[in-house]
Structures are given as structure tokens and as C-alpha cells.
Amino acid sequence: MYKELSHYYDFIFPAGESQLKFFRQTFDDLGVSRVLDLGCGSGNYPLEFAKWGLTVVGLDYEQEMIRLAREKARKAGVSVDFMTGDMRNLEDIDGKFDAIICIGNSLPHLLTDKDLTTALKQMKEKLYHGGILIIQTVNYDRILKGNITQLPDIINRQANIIFTRHYDFRPDGLIDFKTTLIKNQPNGSQQSLGNAQVPLRPLTRSVLENFLEDVGFEDTEVYGDFNRKTHGRDSQSTVLQTFRRRSCKLG
């Protein structure tokens, strides 16, 4: 799915101002110097972090995304270690980090308890004791309770594209995420640039909190967006910040 979107990814998912403000404040408050971005896409956030003077590693499953990220880093003249890989296996990444981020609804691509537990344990092991993990997903409490099957279209007038998003609920509890990328033509017609479908696990707030506690995270805070609004049923997003236990014996 994301390989096909790669050439339009930055038009659909640019780095957001509220996200950058959230990260800047959090990293400054905690004295973060080394960051790992899991599911980094074409590298928009790692590139910004590197411009702040941080040491950054960006990992994504799609090789084309990493190729684009490396090219953008080269053009920007900044150093980021971009890698192709799987968040369920972080052993090849050197060292530990003060902060790990996993945003853009990346975690719901892990469909089983085993995969989710494995990934979160890997993240914990890559954090220093007391290090912070920041996760952002769609607010699936809202999606499930409201039986919501369509998300708002993402429209970029500069690129003349429309990105449509639909959910199909499955009997096994998963969701099929279906997308269409449409380009507006100068003559007023529309051209479909492709359709895609990927299964997702609709991770609710309580499920996420329970998994985080089980693998060794503590002091979890949950927001409804990156402006730190209170999380509720009507929130569009679920943003969690949590810490690896500070005690070596417990962590």
C-alpha cells in the first residue's frame, strides 16, 4: 500500500505543526538527545529532529520510503540514519535512545497479541531506563462505538490530489483499511492513481494501556491530540506518552 503512495506521501502526510511543537517541548523538557522514529515514512519528522541537533534513527518497512528519506536528507544536508526494518526486530539498531516515537497509526498494523507484545518489548529494550515512548493512533474507541466506516478525505490543492479512506469491519475483529488516491486534472476530470487495502487492528485506549503496563512501561498519559487535549470518545486521535520503568530490576 505505502509503496504505491510513496511519490505522494509528503503531500498527504506532511510534518504537522502541532506534532512538532509537542515533540520539541517534550524533548527539551526531558533533555532528549537521541531519538528513534518507527514507521518513519519518507522521513519528515527525523529530518526536523536532526535540524534541532538531535541524533536520529528512522526505520520503515518500505524500502522506497527509506530511499526517499535518504535522498531528502542528502538534499537538506542533514545526517539521519535511515534504515529499512521491522519494529518487531530492533536488535540490529545500535545503542539505546532517550525517546522513541511510533506515530501515524503505525502500531495498528500489528495484528496479533504476539506481534504487539514483541514490538513493545523491543521498544522498551531500546530505551534507556526512564526513556519516553510516544505512540499515536486513530481513536478506535470512537471508530468502534460510532461504527464509523469513512474518515475525512485528505485534500492537497497544491498537488491537486484527494486521498479517500474507508473502513470495512471484519468478523474477526480486524478492519480493512481501503484507500483511493485521486488526481484532479486541469480539464476538471479526475484520475484514479490507485486503490489499496491493508488490514488493521483497531487498538483501543484500554488495550494499549494494558499492553504497555504488561511489558514494563509506567506513568502513561493519554491525550486526544498533539495539543494535549483531554482524550475522550470524540477525539480524533489517541496520543500516549509513557516511560520505561526507571528501576533496572523492574525494567
Protein backbone atom coordinates (compact mmCIF):
# COMPACT_ATOMS: atom_id res chain seq x y z
CA MET A 1 0.00 0.00 0.00
CA TYR A 2 2.57 2.58 1.13
CA LYS A 3 4.96 1.76 -1.69
CA GLU A 4 2.32 2.94 -4.16
CA LEU A 5 1.78 6.12 -2.13
CA SER A 6 5.46 6.95 -1.81
CA HIS A 7 5.61 9.61 -4.54
CA TYR A 8 2.67 11.49 -2.99
CA TYR A 9 3.37 10.70 0.66
CA ASP A 10 4.65 14.15 1.60
CA PHE A 11 1.56 15.80 0.13
CA ILE A 12 -0.72 13.50 2.13
CA PHE A 13 1.22 13.25 5.40
CA PRO A 14 3.43 16.32 5.89
CA ALA A 15 5.01 17.01 9.27
CA GLY A 16 2.36 18.73 11.37
CA GLU A 17 2.95 21.92 13.35
CA SER A 18 1.19 20.62 16.47
CA GLN A 19 3.21 17.39 16.35
CA LEU A 20 6.50 19.25 16.02
CA LYS A 21 5.57 21.59 18.87
CA PHE A 22 4.67 18.59 21.05
CA PHE A 23 7.96 16.83 20.30
CA ARG A 24 10.06 19.97 20.74
CA GLN A 25 8.58 20.73 24.14
CA THR A 26 8.79 17.11 25.32
CA PHE A 27 12.35 16.58 24.12
CA ASP A 28 13.50 19.88 25.63
CA ASP A 29 11.82 19.13 28.96
CA LEU A 30 13.40 15.67 29.19
CA GLY A 31 16.80 16.54 27.78
CA VAL A 32 16.39 14.12 24.88
CA SER A 33 19.41 13.82 22.59
CA ARG A 34 18.88 10.51 20.74
CA VAL A 35 15.58 9.60 19.04
CA LEU A 36 14.27 6.55 17.16
CA ASP A 37 11.31 7.02 14.80
CA LEU A 38 9.50 3.76 13.98
CA GLY A 39 7.37 3.81 10.85
CA CYS A 40 9.12 7.00 9.77
CA GLY A 41 7.71 7.03 6.22
CA SER A 42 9.67 9.38 4.00
CA GLY A 43 11.46 10.86 7.00
CA ASN A 44 9.74 14.18 7.63
CA TYR A 45 9.97 14.05 11.42
CA PRO A 46 13.51 12.61 11.67
CA LEU A 47 14.73 15.35 9.33
CA GLU A 48 13.23 18.03 11.58
CA PHE A 49 14.70 16.40 14.69
CA ALA A 50 18.13 16.34 13.06
CA LYS A 51 17.83 20.06 12.32
CA TRP A 52 17.28 20.56 16.06
CA GLY A 53 20.68 18.98 16.66
CA LEU A 54 19.42 15.56 17.78
CA THR A 55 20.92 12.22 16.83
CA VAL A 56 18.18 10.37 14.95
CA VAL A 57 17.48 6.92 13.53
CA GLY A 58 14.47 6.43 11.26
CA LEU A 59 13.11 2.98 10.46
CA ASP A 60 10.40 1.97 7.99
CA TYR A 61 9.24 -1.32 6.49
CA GLU A 62 9.04 0.05 2.94
CA GLN A 63 12.35 0.29 1.06
CA GLU A 64 11.02 3.02 -1.25
CA MET A 65 10.14 5.22 1.73
CA ILE A 66 13.66 4.86 3.09
CA ARG A 67 15.15 5.61 -0.32
CA LEU A 68 13.15 8.83 -0.47
CA ALA A 69 14.08 9.72 3.11
CA ARG A 70 17.79 9.30 2.40
CA GLU A 71 17.53 11.44 -0.71
CA LYS A 72 15.74 14.19 1.24
CA ALA A 73 18.40 14.07 3.96
CA ARG A 74 21.13 14.39 1.34
CA LYS A 75 19.45 17.41 -0.25
CA ALA A 76 18.85 19.02 3.14
CA GLY A 77 22.43 18.44 4.23
CA VAL A 78 21.45 16.74 7.50
CA SER A 79 22.55 13.42 8.95
CA VAL A 80 19.91 10.81 9.79
CA ASP A 81 20.49 7.06 9.93
CA PHE A 82 17.57 5.77 7.84
CA MET A 83 17.05 2.00 7.85
CA THR A 84 14.65 -0.49 6.33
CA GLY A 85 13.32 -2.80 9.01
CA ASP A 86 10.54 -4.18 11.18
CA MET A 87 9.58 -2.73 14.56
CA ARG A 88 9.26 -6.28 15.86
CA ASN A 89 13.02 -6.72 15.45
CA LEU A 90 15.17 -3.79 16.54
CA GLU A 91 18.24 -5.77 17.58
CA ASP A 92 20.34 -4.55 14.65
CA ILE A 93 19.97 -0.92 15.71
CA ASP A 94 22.99 0.18 17.71
CA GLY A 95 22.66 1.65 21.17
CA LYS A 96 19.76 2.93 23.21
CA PHE A 97 17.58 6.02 22.93
CA ASP A 98 16.17 8.74 25.13
CA ALA A 99 12.95 8.75 23.10
CA ILE A 100 11.13 6.50 20.64
CA ILE A 101 8.17 7.67 18.59
CA CYS A 102 5.69 5.48 16.72
CA ILE A 103 3.05 7.75 15.18
CA GLY A 104 0.89 7.97 12.06
CA ASN A 105 -1.25 4.98 13.09
CA SER A 106 1.69 2.60 12.58
CA LEU A 107 1.09 0.31 15.57
CA PRO A 108 -2.33 -1.00 14.38
CA HIS A 109 -0.53 -2.75 11.51
CA LEU A 110 0.48 -5.35 14.13
CA LEU A 111 -2.48 -7.72 14.07
CA THR A 112 -1.84 -10.20 16.89
CA ASP A 113 -1.14 -10.03 20.61
CA LYS A 114 2.20 -11.73 19.98
CA ASP A 115 3.32 -9.15 17.40
CA LEU A 116 2.20 -6.22 19.53
CA THR A 117 3.90 -7.56 22.65
CA THR A 118 7.09 -8.32 20.72
CA ALA A 119 7.25 -4.83 19.23
CA LEU A 120 6.61 -3.06 22.54
CA LYS A 121 9.23 -5.20 24.29
CA GLN A 122 11.71 -4.33 21.56
CA MET A 123 10.93 -0.63 22.03
CA LYS A 124 11.38 -0.94 25.78
CA GLU A 125 14.76 -2.62 25.36
CA LYS A 126 15.91 0.16 23.02
CA LEU A 127 15.08 2.86 25.58
CA TYR A 128 17.27 3.94 28.46
CA HIS A 129 15.61 3.41 31.83
CA GLY A 130 13.26 6.35 32.20
CA GLY A 131 13.21 6.92 28.43
CA ILE A 132 9.97 8.04 26.79
CA LEU A 133 7.84 6.26 24.19
CA ILE A 134 5.29 8.32 22.24
CA ILE A 135 2.55 6.49 20.30
CA GLN A 136 -0.22 7.98 18.15
CA THR A 137 -3.10 6.07 16.60
CA VAL A 138 -6.56 6.78 15.29
CA ASN A 139 -9.02 6.89 18.20
CA TYR A 140 -10.51 3.46 17.70
CA ASP A 141 -12.82 3.88 20.69
CA ARG A 142 -14.62 6.47 18.55
CA ILE A 143 -14.47 4.34 15.40
CA LEU A 144 -15.85 1.21 17.05
CA LYS A 145 -18.53 2.83 19.21
CA GLY A 146 -19.73 5.03 16.36
CA ASN A 147 -19.45 2.28 13.72
CA ILE A 148 -17.55 4.80 11.59
CA THR A 149 -16.70 3.49 8.14
CA GLN A 150 -15.38 6.63 6.45
CA LEU A 151 -12.67 9.08 7.51
CA PRO A 152 -12.45 12.63 6.14
CA ASP A 153 -10.75 12.93 2.77
CA ILE A 154 -7.25 14.38 2.79
CA ILE A 155 -7.11 17.10 0.13
CA ASN A 156 -3.95 18.80 -1.09
CA ARG A 157 -4.83 21.57 -3.50
CA GLN A 158 -1.19 22.30 -4.30
CA ALA A 159 -0.70 18.78 -5.67
CA ASN A 160 -4.33 18.52 -6.88
CA ILE A 161 -4.84 15.21 -5.09
CA ILE A 162 -7.55 13.68 -2.92
CA PHE A 163 -6.88 10.75 -0.60
CA THR A 164 -10.04 8.87 0.41
CA ARG A 165 -10.15 6.50 3.39
CA HIS A 166 -12.72 3.85 4.32
CA TYR A 167 -13.02 1.12 6.93
CA ASP A 168 -14.68 -2.27 6.46
CA PHE A 169 -15.31 -4.11 9.72
CA ARG A 170 -14.38 -7.79 9.63
CA PRO A 171 -15.91 -10.72 11.57
CA ASP A 172 -12.50 -11.49 13.11
CA GLY A 173 -12.37 -8.07 14.81
CA LEU A 174 -9.89 -6.53 12.40
CA ILE A 175 -10.57 -3.65 10.00
CA ASP A 176 -9.81 -3.48 6.29
CA PHE A 177 -8.43 -0.01 5.59
CA LYS A 178 -9.27 0.90 1.99
CA THR A 179 -7.85 3.95 0.24
CA THR A 180 -8.06 5.63 -3.13
CA LEU A 181 -5.70 8.29 -4.45
CA ILE A 182 -7.34 10.66 -6.94
CA LYS A 183 -5.71 13.39 -9.02
CA ASN A 184 -7.71 16.36 -10.28
CA GLN A 185 -6.93 17.08 -13.94
CA PRO A 186 -6.71 20.59 -15.48
CA ASN A 187 -9.82 19.89 -17.58
CA GLY A 188 -11.90 19.24 -14.46
CA SER A 189 -11.86 15.45 -14.69
CA GLN A 190 -10.44 13.11 -12.06
CA GLN A 191 -7.92 10.30 -12.48
CA SER A 192 -7.61 7.43 -10.04
CA LEU A 193 -3.95 6.83 -9.23
CA GLY A 194 -4.69 3.57 -7.48
CA ASN A 195 -6.59 1.74 -4.77
CA ALA A 196 -5.14 -0.09 -1.80
CA GLN A 197 -6.27 -2.21 1.10
CA VAL A 198 -4.49 -3.23 4.29
CA PRO A 199 -5.76 -4.96 7.46
CA LEU A 200 -5.50 -3.06 10.75
CA ARG A 201 -6.13 -3.95 14.38
CA PRO A 202 -8.38 -1.32 15.99
CA LEU A 203 -6.39 -0.76 19.18
CA THR A 204 -8.49 0.96 21.81
CA ARG A 205 -7.08 3.13 24.58
CA SER A 206 -7.53 0.49 27.29
CA VAL A 207 -5.91 -2.23 25.18
CA LEU A 208 -2.89 -0.03 24.50
CA GLU A 209 -2.54 0.94 28.16
CA ASN A 210 -2.77 -2.69 29.30
CA PHE A 211 -0.11 -3.86 26.83
CA LEU A 212 2.22 -1.03 27.81
CA GLU A 213 1.88 -1.83 31.51
CA ASP A 214 2.38 -5.55 30.92
CA VAL A 215 5.70 -5.10 29.08
CA GLY A 216 7.19 -2.64 31.57
CA PHE A 217 6.08 0.93 30.89
CA GLU A 218 4.73 3.30 33.54
CA ASP A 219 3.35 6.82 34.13
CA THR A 220 1.31 6.69 30.91
CA GLU A 221 -0.54 9.83 29.90
CA VAL A 222 -3.17 9.86 27.15
CA TYR A 223 -4.27 12.83 25.06
CA GLY A 224 -6.85 13.38 22.34
CA ASP A 225 -4.36 15.12 20.07
CA PHE A 226 -0.88 16.61 19.99
CA ASN A 227 -2.20 19.79 21.62
CA ARG A 228 -2.60 17.69 24.79
CA LYS A 229 -6.39 17.94 24.85
CA THR A 230 -8.21 15.53 27.15
CA HIS A 231 -8.84 12.19 25.48
CA GLY A 232 -12.47 11.31 25.00
CA ARG A 233 -14.89 9.50 22.75
CA ASP A 234 -14.96 12.35 20.23
CA SER A 235 -11.18 12.69 19.99
CA GLN A 236 -9.83 12.04 16.52
CA SER A 237 -6.56 10.58 17.81
CA THR A 238 -5.13 8.67 20.73
CA VAL A 239 -1.73 10.01 21.77
CA LEU A 240 0.11 8.18 24.54
CA GLN A 241 3.35 9.10 26.23
CA THR A 242 4.81 6.54 28.58
CA PHE A 243 8.14 5.75 30.20
CA ARG A 244 10.34 2.71 30.55
CA ARG A 245 10.46 1.86 34.22
CA ARG A 246 13.30 3.66 35.92
CA SER A 247 14.28 0.74 38.14
CA CYS A 248 16.70 -1.66 36.47
CA LYS A 249 15.24 -4.54 38.50
CA LEU A 250 11.73 -3.88 37.23
CA GLY A 251 12.56 -2.65 33.70
